C-alpha atoms as a PDB file:
ATOM      1  CA  MET A   1      57.428  94.372  88.681  1.00  0.00           C
ATOM      2  CA  THR A   2      60.904  94.633  87.377  1.00  0.00           C
ATOM      3  CA  ASN A   3      63.646  97.456  88.180  1.00  0.00           C
ATOM      4  CA  PRO A   4      64.599  99.320  85.131  1.00  0.00           C
ATOM      5  CA  ALA A   5      68.499  98.929  83.897  1.00  0.00           C
ATOM      6  CA  PRO A   6      70.855 101.274  85.533  1.00  0.00           C
ATOM      7  CA  ILE A   7      71.863 104.419  83.877  1.00  0.00           C
ATOM      8  CA  ASP A   8      75.313 104.782  82.816  1.00  0.00           C
ATOM      9  CA  ASP A   9      76.755 108.122  82.422  1.00  0.00           C
ATOM     10  CA  VAL A  10      78.536 108.925  78.993  1.00  0.00           C
ATOM     11  CA  SER A  11      80.490 112.366  78.813  1.00  0.00           C
ATOM     12  CA  ILE A  12      80.161 114.203  75.301  1.00  0.00           C
ATOM     13  CA  GLY A  13      82.562 117.040  76.429  1.00  0.00           C
ATOM     14  CA  GLY A  14      79.858 119.781  75.188  1.00  0.00           C
ATOM     15  CA  ASP A  15      76.395 120.766  75.553  1.00  0.00           C
ATOM     16  CA  GLY A  16      74.859 118.648  72.817  1.00  0.00           C
ATOM     17  CA  ILE A  17      75.014 115.631  70.371  1.00  0.00           C
ATOM     18  CA  ARG A  18      72.745 114.228  67.767  1.00  0.00           C
ATOM     19  CA  LEU A  19      70.858 111.102  68.677  1.00  0.00           C
ATOM     20  CA  GLY A  20      72.570 108.776  65.953  1.00  0.00           C
ATOM     21  CA  GLN A  21      76.238 110.018  66.689  1.00  0.00           C
ATOM     22  CA  PHE A  22      75.348 109.420  70.631  1.00  0.00           C
ATOM     23  CA  VAL A  23      74.247 105.955  70.117  1.00  0.00           C
ATOM     24  CA  LYS A  24      77.404 105.061  68.211  1.00  0.00           C
ATOM     25  CA  PHE A  25      79.560 106.981  70.653  1.00  0.00           C
ATOM     26  CA  ALA A  26      78.111 105.488  73.675  1.00  0.00           C
ATOM     27  CA  GLY A  27      78.784 101.988  72.380  1.00  0.00           C
ATOM     28  CA  LEU A  28      75.188 101.149  72.245  1.00  0.00           C
ATOM     29  CA  LEU A  29      75.679 100.109  68.451  1.00  0.00           C
ATOM     30  CA  ASP A  30      79.119  99.711  66.422  1.00  0.00           C
ATOM     31  CA  SER A  31      78.291 100.748  62.809  1.00  0.00           C
ATOM     32  CA  GLY A  32      76.250 103.767  61.689  1.00  0.00           C
ATOM     33  CA  GLY A  33      74.082 101.680  59.217  1.00  0.00           C
ATOM     34  CA  ASN A  34      72.895  99.757  62.428  1.00  0.00           C
ATOM     35  CA  VAL A  35      72.282 102.900  64.340  1.00  0.00           C
ATOM     36  CA  LYS A  36      70.175 104.240  61.380  1.00  0.00           C
ATOM     37  CA  GLU A  37      67.976 101.050  61.152  1.00  0.00           C
ATOM     38  CA  ALA A  38      67.468 100.843  64.984  1.00  0.00           C
ATOM     39  CA  ILE A  39      66.495 104.467  65.308  1.00  0.00           C
ATOM     40  CA  ILE A  40      64.136 104.330  62.303  1.00  0.00           C
ATOM     41  CA  ASP A  41      62.444 101.082  63.247  1.00  0.00           C
ATOM     42  CA  GLY A  42      61.674 102.538  66.857  1.00  0.00           C
ATOM     43  CA  TYR A  43      64.017 100.433  69.138  1.00  0.00           C
ATOM     44  CA  VAL A  44      65.798 103.555  70.634  1.00  0.00           C
ATOM     45  CA  LEU A  45      63.914 105.344  73.328  1.00  0.00           C
ATOM     46  CA  VAL A  46      64.775 108.961  74.377  1.00  0.00           C
ATOM     47  CA  ASN A  47      63.638 109.662  77.752  1.00  0.00           C
ATOM     48  CA  GLY A  48      61.082 106.807  77.590  1.00  0.00           C
ATOM     49  CA  GLU A  49      59.930 107.220  74.245  1.00  0.00           C
ATOM     50  CA  VAL A  50      60.528 106.360  70.767  1.00  0.00           C
ATOM     51  CA  ASP A  51      61.982 108.912  68.583  1.00  0.00           C
ATOM     52  CA  ARG A  52      62.960 107.883  64.931  1.00  0.00           C
ATOM     53  CA  ARG A  53      64.926 111.097  64.249  1.00  0.00           C
ATOM     54  CA  ARG A  54      68.669 110.444  63.989  1.00  0.00           C
ATOM     55  CA  GLY A  55      69.111 113.943  63.905  1.00  0.00           C
ATOM     56  CA  ARG A  56      67.521 114.842  67.020  1.00  0.00           C
ATOM     57  CA  GLN A  57      69.633 117.011  69.150  1.00  0.00           C
ATOM     58  CA  LEU A  58      70.092 115.689  72.716  1.00  0.00           C
ATOM     59  CA  GLN A  59      70.672 117.716  75.721  1.00  0.00           C
ATOM     60  CA  ILE A  60      72.660 117.026  78.904  1.00  0.00           C
ATOM     61  CA  GLY A  61      70.580 115.035  81.118  1.00  0.00           C
ATOM     62  CA  ASP A  62      68.705 112.994  78.429  1.00  0.00           C
ATOM     63  CA  VAL A  63      68.396 109.127  78.777  1.00  0.00           C
ATOM     64  CA  VAL A  64      68.749 107.106  75.681  1.00  0.00           C
ATOM     65  CA  SER A  65      67.733 103.257  75.864  1.00  0.00           C
ATOM     66  CA  PHE A  66      68.407 100.380  73.505  1.00  0.00           C
ATOM     67  CA  GLU A  67      67.977  96.483  74.326  1.00  0.00           C
ATOM     68  CA  GLY A  68      67.888  97.009  78.075  1.00  0.00           C
ATOM     69  CA  ARG A  69      70.688  99.313  78.205  1.00  0.00           C
ATOM     70  CA  ARG A  70      70.182 103.068  79.384  1.00  0.00           C
ATOM     71  CA  VAL A  71      72.864 105.716  79.099  1.00  0.00           C
ATOM     72  CA  ARG A  72      72.743 109.308  80.063  1.00  0.00           C
ATOM     73  CA  VAL A  73      74.170 112.311  78.202  1.00  0.00           C
ATOM     74  CA  CYS A  74      76.518 113.895  80.593  1.00  0.00           C
ATOM     75  CA  PRO A  75      78.800 117.051  79.773  1.00  0.00           C
END
């Protein structure tokens, strides 16, 4: 059994942020086009589940995963 990747905390300076914005802000991907494709193609997980909505409103404590990296939304 493998251990999941460690979780990095990323402070957003507020209460919420949209998934597409957070993926780019957290440095998981560099361009908005790549973010859009990765989310639509189902490569981005939110709290362990695929979510294909770039506009999904994330909340404090949500964990976003992409290509083995996990980041948590922090205030």
